[in-house]
């Protein structure tokens, strides 16, 4: 592990915006403690509001202070080591990594939420919103599929922060709503996603990912994927049962609106 004071990541279990940081930490050999945390209670305490004035998670507590906002937290941990190339191998690749992190935030997170949240049970189902979300996601996956036709990973020849953030943005969708007909036009995306979530660093954090459609329909990889690290387990796994994820996600939403 990287020689530094142990950091703490405050979040509820199964939060994909926190899982991305824990996966990055596995690649960088960074030790991050994940304390037990209850949304609706702990995030309203005076002590926590000093760390995150809006009461939002994830929050990374470091020896120098706290960092809020999911992308900022993931970028901070990714930059803790240069030799692992979490930001790519060149200055240009670093820009591409940032591009895909923004792509996840601007093109994926909202429509994935609009499609998945009714299934998780904490917003009402709306056919028009779901249809729009499906169209928006299909458009984004089309861009990704074209990009990945001749690439194993989004940037360069190995896993970067880009792959980690984008795959976490799509994690619940692959588990809950992406069926075979929807994914049929995007075989390169399926191949890329299944490659990522099968790597030891991903498995150590999120456990085995079972796709709604099964592991079929993926395009053959254009190149061999790296084997990754040692695959040691994190103290907390993100691979929770869907029912528990739904309950905790609902608590998170209610706490945010409170």
Protein backbone atom coordinates (compact mmCIF):
# COMPACT_ATOMS: atom_id res chain seq x y z
CA UNK A 1 0.00 0.00 0.00
CA UNK A 2 1.06 3.57 -0.66
CA UNK A 3 2.81 4.98 2.38
CA UNK A 4 0.49 7.68 3.66
CA UNK A 5 -1.99 8.29 6.44
CA UNK A 6 -5.11 6.16 6.07
CA UNK A 7 -7.96 8.08 4.49
CA UNK A 8 -11.68 7.60 5.17
CA UNK A 9 -14.42 7.50 2.57
CA UNK A 10 -17.88 8.32 3.89
CA UNK A 11 -20.69 6.83 1.81
CA UNK A 12 -23.63 4.45 1.90
CA UNK A 13 -23.11 0.86 0.73
CA UNK A 14 -23.46 0.26 -2.99
CA UNK A 15 -22.97 3.90 -4.01
CA UNK A 16 -21.44 3.60 -7.48
CA UNK A 17 -19.99 7.10 -7.16
CA UNK A 18 -17.96 5.85 -4.21
CA UNK A 19 -17.14 2.44 -5.67
CA UNK A 20 -15.20 4.14 -8.46
CA UNK A 21 -12.83 5.67 -5.91
CA UNK A 22 -12.34 2.35 -4.13
CA UNK A 23 -11.45 0.67 -7.44
CA UNK A 24 -8.93 3.41 -8.24
CA UNK A 25 -7.48 2.90 -4.77
CA UNK A 26 -6.93 -0.77 -5.54
CA UNK A 27 -4.94 0.11 -8.65
CA UNK A 28 -2.89 2.71 -6.79
CA UNK A 29 -2.30 0.66 -3.65
CA UNK A 30 -3.98 3.29 -1.50
CA UNK A 31 -5.54 2.27 1.79
CA UNK A 32 -9.01 3.79 2.27
CA UNK A 33 -11.17 3.00 5.26
CA UNK A 34 -14.95 2.90 4.72
CA UNK A 35 -16.69 3.49 8.07
CA UNK A 36 -20.24 2.32 8.67
CA UNK A 37 -22.51 5.13 7.52
CA UNK A 38 -26.27 5.62 7.66
CA UNK A 39 -27.85 8.14 5.29
CA UNK A 40 -30.57 10.20 6.90
CA UNK A 41 -28.76 10.05 10.22
CA UNK A 42 -24.98 10.28 10.01
CA UNK A 43 -25.00 12.78 7.16
CA UNK A 44 -27.12 15.15 9.27
CA UNK A 45 -24.79 15.18 12.26
CA UNK A 46 -22.93 18.36 13.13
CA UNK A 47 -19.61 16.54 12.83
CA UNK A 48 -20.36 15.33 9.30
CA UNK A 49 -21.72 18.69 8.14
CA UNK A 50 -18.31 20.13 8.95
CA UNK A 51 -16.86 17.68 6.44
CA UNK A 52 -19.64 18.09 3.84
CA UNK A 53 -21.74 21.23 4.38
CA UNK A 54 -24.50 19.97 2.08
CA UNK A 55 -24.63 16.59 3.79
CA UNK A 56 -23.78 14.77 0.56
CA UNK A 57 -21.63 11.70 -0.02
CA UNK A 58 -19.11 10.51 -0.98
CA UNK A 59 -16.67 12.50 1.11
CA UNK A 60 -12.97 11.67 1.34
CA UNK A 61 -11.30 12.61 4.62
CA UNK A 62 -7.54 13.08 4.30
CA UNK A 63 -4.83 14.26 6.67
CA UNK A 64 -5.07 17.69 5.03
CA UNK A 65 -8.86 17.98 5.10
CA UNK A 66 -11.94 16.72 3.28
CA UNK A 67 -12.77 16.50 -0.43
CA UNK A 68 -16.38 16.43 -1.61
CA UNK A 69 -17.96 15.62 -4.99
CA UNK A 70 -17.55 12.14 -6.47
CA UNK A 71 -15.45 13.03 -9.51
CA UNK A 72 -13.10 15.22 -7.48
CA UNK A 73 -12.59 12.41 -4.96
CA UNK A 74 -11.86 9.85 -7.69
CA UNK A 75 -9.46 12.21 -9.48
CA UNK A 76 -7.62 12.93 -6.23
CA UNK A 77 -7.00 9.25 -5.53
CA UNK A 78 -6.10 8.59 -9.18
CA UNK A 79 -3.43 11.30 -9.06
CA UNK A 80 -1.77 9.91 -5.95
CA UNK A 81 0.51 7.80 -8.15
CA UNK A 82 1.82 8.56 -11.61
CA UNK A 83 3.36 5.17 -12.36
CA UNK A 84 -0.01 3.38 -12.53
CA UNK A 85 -1.16 5.66 -15.39
CA UNK A 86 -4.65 6.19 -14.01
CA UNK A 87 -4.59 9.43 -16.03
CA UNK A 88 -2.99 7.82 -19.05
CA UNK A 89 0.61 7.73 -20.22
CA UNK A 90 0.78 11.17 -21.86
CA UNK A 91 -0.50 14.69 -21.33
CA UNK A 92 -2.95 14.17 -24.21
CA UNK A 93 -4.24 10.93 -22.71
CA UNK A 94 -4.81 12.75 -19.41
CA UNK A 95 -7.09 15.10 -21.32
CA UNK A 96 -8.91 12.12 -22.83
CA UNK A 97 -9.41 10.61 -19.38
CA UNK A 98 -10.97 13.84 -18.18
CA UNK A 99 -13.15 13.86 -21.29
CA UNK A 100 -14.61 10.44 -20.49
CA UNK A 101 -15.11 11.32 -16.82
CA UNK A 102 -17.16 14.32 -17.96
CA UNK A 103 -18.94 12.10 -20.50
CA UNK A 104 -20.10 9.84 -17.68
CA UNK A 105 -21.38 12.76 -15.66
CA UNK A 106 -23.09 14.59 -18.53
CA UNK A 107 -24.30 11.79 -20.81
CA UNK A 108 -24.82 8.74 -18.59
CA UNK A 109 -25.58 9.49 -14.95
CA UNK A 110 -28.90 11.28 -15.44
CA UNK A 111 -30.51 8.94 -18.00
CA UNK A 112 -29.26 5.84 -16.18
CA UNK A 113 -30.85 7.19 -13.02
CA UNK A 114 -34.13 7.98 -14.75
CA UNK A 115 -34.31 4.42 -16.06
CA UNK A 116 -33.05 2.58 -12.98
CA UNK A 117 -34.54 4.60 -10.12
CA UNK A 118 -38.17 3.48 -10.70
CA UNK A 119 -36.98 -0.14 -10.62
CA UNK A 120 -35.12 0.52 -7.38
CA UNK A 121 -38.37 1.93 -6.06
CA UNK A 122 -37.64 5.48 -5.00
CA UNK A 123 -39.18 7.49 -7.84
CA UNK A 124 -42.45 6.88 -9.62
CA UNK A 125 -42.36 5.18 -12.98
CA UNK A 126 -42.94 7.49 -15.92
CA UNK A 127 -43.12 5.97 -19.41
CA UNK A 128 -42.12 9.17 -21.19
CA UNK A 129 -39.10 9.70 -18.96
CA UNK A 130 -38.02 6.09 -19.35
CA UNK A 131 -38.32 6.28 -23.13
CA UNK A 132 -36.25 9.46 -23.20
CA UNK A 133 -33.64 7.89 -20.93
CA UNK A 134 -33.39 4.85 -23.19
CA UNK A 135 -32.89 7.06 -26.23
CA UNK A 136 -30.24 9.17 -24.49
CA UNK A 137 -28.35 6.12 -23.26
CA UNK A 138 -28.51 4.46 -26.68
CA UNK A 139 -27.02 7.59 -28.23
CA UNK A 140 -24.20 7.63 -25.69
CA UNK A 141 -23.51 3.90 -26.04
CA UNK A 142 -23.38 4.37 -29.80
CA UNK A 143 -20.55 6.84 -29.35
CA UNK A 144 -18.75 4.46 -27.02
CA UNK A 145 -19.27 1.46 -29.30
CA UNK A 146 -17.72 3.25 -32.26
CA UNK A 147 -14.78 4.34 -30.13
CA UNK A 148 -14.22 0.84 -28.73
CA UNK A 149 -14.37 -0.99 -32.07
CA UNK A 150 -10.57 -1.12 -32.24
CA UNK A 151 -9.73 -0.54 -28.56
CA UNK A 152 -9.77 -2.68 -25.43
CA UNK A 153 -10.03 0.33 -23.13
CA UNK A 154 -11.27 3.89 -23.48
CA UNK A 155 -7.85 5.55 -23.30
CA UNK A 156 -4.51 4.01 -24.21
CA UNK A 157 -3.70 0.34 -23.79
CA UNK A 158 -4.61 -0.23 -20.16
CA UNK A 159 -7.24 0.60 -17.56
CA UNK A 160 -7.45 4.26 -16.60
CA UNK A 161 -9.74 6.36 -14.45
CA UNK A 162 -11.91 6.74 -17.56
CA UNK A 163 -12.79 3.04 -17.66
CA UNK A 164 -13.43 2.94 -13.93
CA UNK A 165 -15.75 5.96 -13.81
CA UNK A 166 -17.72 5.11 -16.96
CA UNK A 167 -18.16 1.44 -16.02
CA UNK A 168 -19.40 2.43 -12.54
CA UNK A 169 -21.87 4.85 -14.13
CA UNK A 170 -23.23 1.93 -16.16
CA UNK A 171 -23.02 -0.74 -13.44
CA UNK A 172 -26.63 -0.67 -12.22
CA UNK A 173 -27.97 -0.37 -15.75
CA UNK A 174 -26.12 -3.50 -16.86
CA UNK A 175 -27.41 -5.33 -13.78
CA UNK A 176 -31.02 -4.15 -13.86
CA UNK A 177 -32.23 -2.84 -17.23
CA UNK A 178 -29.86 -3.54 -20.13
CA UNK A 179 -31.43 -6.61 -21.77
CA UNK A 180 -30.10 -8.43 -24.82
CA UNK A 181 -32.21 -6.56 -27.42
CA UNK A 182 -31.13 -3.18 -26.05
CA UNK A 183 -27.45 -4.13 -26.03
CA UNK A 184 -27.48 -5.85 -29.42
CA UNK A 185 -26.22 -2.76 -31.33
CA UNK A 186 -23.38 -2.24 -28.85
CA UNK A 187 -21.25 -5.43 -28.73
CA UNK A 188 -17.99 -3.52 -28.26
CA UNK A 189 -19.43 -1.80 -25.19
CA UNK A 190 -20.53 -5.14 -23.73
CA UNK A 191 -17.08 -6.60 -24.36
CA UNK A 192 -15.39 -3.58 -22.76
CA UNK A 193 -17.69 -3.60 -19.72
CA UNK A 194 -17.36 -7.34 -19.06
CA UNK A 195 -13.58 -7.03 -19.44
CA UNK A 196 -13.43 -4.24 -16.86
CA UNK A 197 -15.67 -5.80 -14.22
CA UNK A 198 -13.79 -9.11 -14.50
CA UNK A 199 -10.45 -7.56 -13.52
CA UNK A 200 -9.13 -8.31 -10.01
CA UNK A 201 -9.25 -4.68 -8.86
CA UNK A 202 -12.91 -4.39 -9.81
CA UNK A 203 -13.79 -7.78 -8.31
CA UNK A 204 -12.10 -6.83 -5.03
CA UNK A 205 -14.52 -3.91 -4.64
CA UNK A 206 -17.79 -4.80 -6.39
CA UNK A 207 -17.66 -8.58 -6.41
CA UNK A 208 -18.90 -10.59 -9.38
CA UNK A 209 -21.23 -8.62 -11.65
CA UNK A 210 -24.16 -10.54 -13.12
CA UNK A 211 -25.53 -8.89 -16.25
CA UNK A 212 -29.28 -8.84 -16.73
CA UNK A 213 -28.82 -10.31 -20.21
CA UNK A 214 -26.07 -12.71 -19.17
CA UNK A 215 -22.53 -12.51 -20.51
CA UNK A 216 -23.54 -13.16 -24.12
CA UNK A 217 -23.37 -10.96 -27.18
CA UNK A 218 -19.95 -9.44 -26.52
CA UNK A 219 -17.59 -8.72 -29.38
CA UNK A 220 -14.20 -10.45 -29.32
CA UNK A 221 -11.52 -8.26 -27.72
CA UNK A 222 -9.20 -6.42 -30.13
CA UNK A 223 -6.31 -7.00 -27.71
CA UNK A 224 -5.54 -8.89 -24.52
CA UNK A 225 -6.68 -7.22 -21.32
CA UNK A 226 -4.11 -6.79 -18.53
CA UNK A 227 -4.33 -9.16 -15.63
CA UNK A 228 -4.40 -6.38 -13.02
CA UNK A 229 -3.30 -6.61 -9.40
CA UNK A 230 -3.40 -9.14 -6.65
CA UNK A 231 -7.16 -9.16 -6.17
CA UNK A 232 -7.15 -8.77 -2.39
CA UNK A 233 -10.54 -7.97 -0.92
CA UNK A 234 -11.60 -4.54 0.34
CA UNK A 235 -13.14 -4.33 3.76
CA UNK A 236 -16.49 -3.52 2.11
CA UNK A 237 -17.81 -4.91 -1.14
CA UNK A 238 -20.03 -2.96 -3.45
CA UNK A 239 -21.74 -6.07 -4.81
CA UNK A 240 -24.87 -5.96 -2.66
CA UNK A 241 -28.18 -7.57 -3.35
CA UNK A 242 -30.51 -5.39 -5.36
CA UNK A 243 -33.10 -5.16 -2.59
CA UNK A 244 -30.57 -3.79 -0.13
CA UNK A 245 -29.25 -1.36 -2.75
CA UNK A 246 -32.78 -0.13 -3.31
CA UNK A 247 -33.35 0.47 0.39
CA UNK A 248 -30.09 2.30 0.88
CA UNK A 249 -30.45 4.30 -2.30
CA UNK A 250 -33.92 5.35 -1.21
CA UNK A 251 -32.55 6.44 2.17
CA UNK A 252 -29.87 8.45 0.39
CA UNK A 253 -32.44 10.23 -1.77
CA UNK A 254 -34.70 10.97 1.20
CA UNK A 255 -31.77 12.33 3.20
CA UNK A 256 -30.76 14.59 0.34
CA UNK A 257 -34.27 15.97 0.04
CA UNK A 258 -34.67 16.41 3.80
